[in-house]
Protein backbone atom coordinates (compact mmCIF):
# COMPACT_ATOMS: atom_id res chain seq x y z
CA ILE A 1 -0.07 0.23 -0.24
CA SER A 2 3.02 2.23 0.51
CA ASP A 3 4.70 1.68 -2.75
CA TRP A 4 4.68 4.06 -5.42
CA ASP A 5 2.00 2.75 -8.17
CA SER A 6 4.89 3.16 -10.65
CA PHE A 7 7.01 0.83 -8.78
CA ILE A 8 4.65 -1.78 -8.52
CA LEU A 9 3.93 -1.53 -12.16
CA SER A 10 7.38 -2.09 -13.16
CA GLU A 11 7.67 -5.12 -10.87
CA ILE A 12 4.76 -6.71 -12.42
CA GLN A 13 6.08 -5.73 -15.93
CA LYS A 14 8.99 -8.03 -15.40
CA TYR A 15 6.84 -11.11 -15.58
CA ASN A 16 4.86 -9.89 -18.54
CA PRO A 17 1.54 -11.43 -17.06
CA GLN A 18 -1.40 -12.70 -19.11
CA ILE A 19 -3.57 -12.94 -15.61
CA ILE A 20 -3.12 -10.85 -12.50
CA SER A 21 -5.31 -11.11 -9.27
CA PHE A 22 -5.68 -9.06 -6.07
CA SER A 23 -6.57 -9.82 -2.82
CA CYS A 24 -9.10 -6.82 -1.97
CA TYR A 25 -9.62 -5.23 1.57
CA VAL A 26 -10.86 -2.01 2.77
CA TRP A 27 -7.16 -0.53 3.16
CA ASN A 28 -6.22 -1.43 -0.49
CA ILE A 29 -9.09 -1.28 -2.91
CA LYS A 30 -8.63 1.97 -4.26
CA LYS A 31 -5.02 1.51 -5.10
CA ILE A 32 -5.91 -1.93 -6.63
CA LEU A 33 -8.54 -0.37 -8.91
CA SER A 34 -6.39 2.50 -9.90
CA LEU A 35 -3.32 -0.23 -10.69
CA SER A 36 -6.02 -2.49 -12.58
CA LEU A 37 -6.70 0.41 -14.75
CA LYS A 38 -3.10 1.11 -15.63
CA LEU A 39 -2.50 -2.53 -15.85
CA LYS A 40 -5.12 -3.01 -18.60
CA LYS A 41 -3.83 -0.08 -20.87
CA LEU A 42 -0.21 -1.72 -20.54
CA TYR A 43 -1.54 -5.12 -21.26
CA LYS A 44 -4.84 -4.77 -23.28
CA ASN A 45 -5.35 -8.62 -23.19
CA ILE A 46 -4.57 -9.17 -19.49
CA LYS A 47 -7.29 -10.65 -17.25
CA ILE A 48 -7.70 -9.20 -14.01
CA ILE A 49 -9.41 -10.95 -11.46
CA LEU A 50 -10.15 -9.62 -8.28
CA GLY A 51 -11.15 -11.38 -4.59
CA GLY A 52 -11.27 -10.69 -1.13
CA PRO A 53 -13.95 -9.54 1.45
CA GLU A 54 -14.20 -5.94 -0.20
CA VAL A 55 -15.28 -7.28 -3.46
CA SER A 56 -17.17 -10.22 -2.72
CA PRO A 57 -20.73 -8.56 -1.50
CA LEU A 58 -20.14 -5.63 -4.13
CA ALA A 59 -19.19 -7.75 -7.00
CA GLU A 60 -21.87 -6.49 -9.59
CA ILE A 61 -21.31 -2.74 -8.57
CA ILE A 62 -17.37 -2.99 -9.09
CA LEU A 63 -17.95 -4.66 -12.45
CA GLU A 64 -20.28 -2.22 -13.31
CA LYS A 65 -17.73 0.85 -12.37
CA ASN A 66 -14.66 -0.80 -13.50
CA ASN A 67 -14.53 -2.06 -17.10
CA GLN A 68 -10.78 -2.97 -16.45
CA ILE A 69 -12.25 -5.92 -14.12
CA ASP A 70 -12.81 -9.24 -15.75
CA PHE A 71 -13.75 -11.45 -12.89
CA ILE A 72 -14.65 -11.26 -9.22
CA VAL A 73 -14.22 -14.37 -6.95
CA LYS A 74 -16.83 -14.29 -4.11
CA GLY A 75 -16.50 -15.80 -1.01
CA GLU A 76 -13.93 -18.54 -0.07
CA GLY A 77 -11.92 -18.47 -3.00
CA GLU A 78 -9.70 -21.39 -2.80
CA VAL A 79 -11.27 -23.69 -4.84
CA THR A 80 -13.12 -21.02 -6.92
CA PHE A 81 -9.66 -19.23 -7.69
CA SER A 82 -8.02 -22.75 -8.86
CA GLU A 83 -11.12 -23.44 -11.30
CA LEU A 84 -11.16 -19.88 -12.83
CA ILE A 85 -7.30 -20.06 -13.38
CA LYS A 86 -7.25 -23.25 -14.91
CA ALA A 87 -10.07 -22.48 -17.29
CA LEU A 88 -8.28 -19.18 -18.32
CA ILE A 89 -5.23 -21.02 -18.89
CA GLU A 90 -6.84 -24.02 -20.86
CA THR A 91 -8.63 -20.73 -22.79
CA ARG A 92 -12.19 -22.28 -21.92
CA ASP A 93 -14.99 -20.22 -21.84
CA ASP A 94 -17.27 -22.12 -19.81
CA PHE A 95 -16.95 -19.80 -16.90
CA ASP A 96 -20.94 -20.46 -16.25
CA LYS A 97 -19.73 -23.66 -14.77
CA ILE A 98 -17.55 -22.15 -12.09
CA PRO A 99 -19.83 -21.36 -8.68
CA GLY A 100 -18.55 -18.14 -6.87
CA ILE A 101 -17.78 -15.83 -9.66
CA SER A 102 -18.99 -12.58 -11.23
CA TYR A 103 -17.99 -11.50 -14.63
CA ARG A 104 -18.69 -9.89 -17.93
CA ILE A 105 -19.82 -11.39 -21.09
CA ASN A 106 -20.61 -9.23 -24.26
CA GLY A 107 -21.25 -6.00 -21.72
CA LYS A 108 -23.40 -8.15 -19.62
CA ILE A 109 -22.60 -8.70 -15.86
CA VAL A 110 -23.28 -12.50 -14.75
CA ASN A 111 -23.36 -13.57 -11.44
CA ASN A 112 -23.10 -17.25 -10.90
CA ILE A 113 -24.36 -19.06 -7.90
CA ASP A 114 -22.49 -18.99 -4.90
CA ARG A 115 -20.20 -21.56 -3.94
CA MET A 116 -20.82 -23.71 -0.77
CA ILE A 117 -18.39 -22.74 2.00
CA ILE A 118 -15.47 -25.06 2.75
CA PRO A 119 -16.69 -27.41 5.45
CA ASP A 120 -13.13 -28.42 6.59
CA LEU A 121 -10.84 -25.62 7.07
CA ASP A 122 -8.05 -28.08 7.58
CA SER A 123 -8.39 -29.40 4.01
CA ILE A 124 -6.87 -26.04 2.60
CA PRO A 125 -3.52 -26.49 2.06
CA SER A 126 -1.33 -24.14 4.13
CA PRO A 127 0.38 -21.28 2.17
CA TYR A 128 3.49 -21.58 4.68
CA TRP A 129 4.63 -25.19 3.46
CA ASP A 130 5.61 -23.80 0.31
CA THR A 131 8.86 -22.56 1.39
CA SER A 132 9.60 -20.22 -1.68
CA MET A 133 6.63 -18.09 -0.06
CA LEU A 134 8.82 -17.41 3.16
CA ASP A 135 11.80 -15.75 0.86
CA ASN A 136 13.07 -13.00 3.46
CA ALA A 137 10.19 -13.63 5.98
CA ASP A 138 12.66 -12.41 8.78
CA ARG A 139 12.04 -8.83 7.47
CA ARG A 140 8.27 -8.93 7.16
CA GLU A 141 5.24 -9.98 8.89
CA VAL A 142 3.42 -12.82 8.42
CA CYS A 143 -0.22 -13.27 9.02
CA LEU A 144 -1.66 -16.49 10.42
CA GLU A 145 -5.26 -17.26 9.73
CA THR A 146 -6.70 -19.26 12.43
CA GLN A 147 -10.41 -18.77 11.93
CA ARG A 148 -12.71 -17.53 9.46
CA GLY A 149 -16.05 -15.20 10.31
CA CYS A 150 -16.19 -12.50 12.76
CA VAL A 151 -18.46 -11.77 15.66
CA PHE A 152 -18.14 -7.92 15.10
CA LYS A 153 -20.75 -6.13 12.97
CA CYS A 154 -18.57 -2.91 11.87
CA HIS A 155 -20.65 -1.16 9.22
CA PHE A 156 -17.16 -0.37 7.42
CA CYS A 157 -15.78 -3.75 7.06
CA TYR A 158 -16.95 -6.74 4.83
CA TYR A 159 -14.61 -9.16 6.24
CA ASN A 160 -16.22 -12.36 6.60
CA LYS A 161 -19.38 -11.28 6.77
CA SER A 162 -20.79 -13.80 4.36
CA PHE A 163 -20.34 -16.43 7.19
CA LYS A 164 -23.13 -17.06 9.46
CA ASN A 165 -20.86 -18.48 12.05
CA ILE A 166 -17.13 -18.35 12.97
CA ARG A 167 -15.21 -21.41 11.96
CA PHE A 168 -11.76 -22.57 13.20
CA PHE A 169 -8.90 -24.22 11.90
CA SER A 170 -8.05 -26.91 14.12
CA LEU A 171 -5.58 -26.26 17.07
CA GLU A 172 -2.98 -29.20 15.42
CA ARG A 173 -3.29 -26.88 12.16
CA VAL A 174 -2.45 -23.85 13.84
CA ARG A 175 0.38 -25.50 15.96
CA GLN A 176 1.63 -26.88 12.89
CA ASP A 177 1.87 -23.67 10.81
CA LEU A 178 3.09 -21.58 13.96
CA SER A 179 6.10 -24.24 14.30
CA PHE A 180 6.86 -24.11 10.78
CA LEU A 181 6.90 -20.31 10.47
CA LEU A 182 9.10 -20.29 13.81
CA LYS A 183 11.69 -22.75 12.49
């Protein structure tokens, strides 16, 4: 959030991406929408995907106001995002078969049915077990997800509002992740 757009864009350009995705929160949504507009000007055929708590409940509005956004992954994105990426890489256009996304076809916004929540949070692979994710970890903070859902009803925040209950990763999973991170 504190980096200049020009720096972020130059870093992204090193990869010449065909697809780029952003996790959107209340603190970064404006910057992401701005960057997305600039990316679409640089790469006309790039596919831009947004996900996260700030866009899930506002998918249709965000797509209406931001033509540079191609897809929004709503709710828990682990399975949905994987299916969407696979369809894009395989150049399929059967997006109607992927629950949990909103997108645009011929100028019309389509909202697919919602995906069911992941019943067992421990079934989600840990992002920390891939050691490449931890390059230079000693110089940054690492967030550890232990639950999904929130007991608070803050009006300014969409974080986990789509969940009726709080769900927890098992204590054993949290211990494994924490132990791995501390090593």
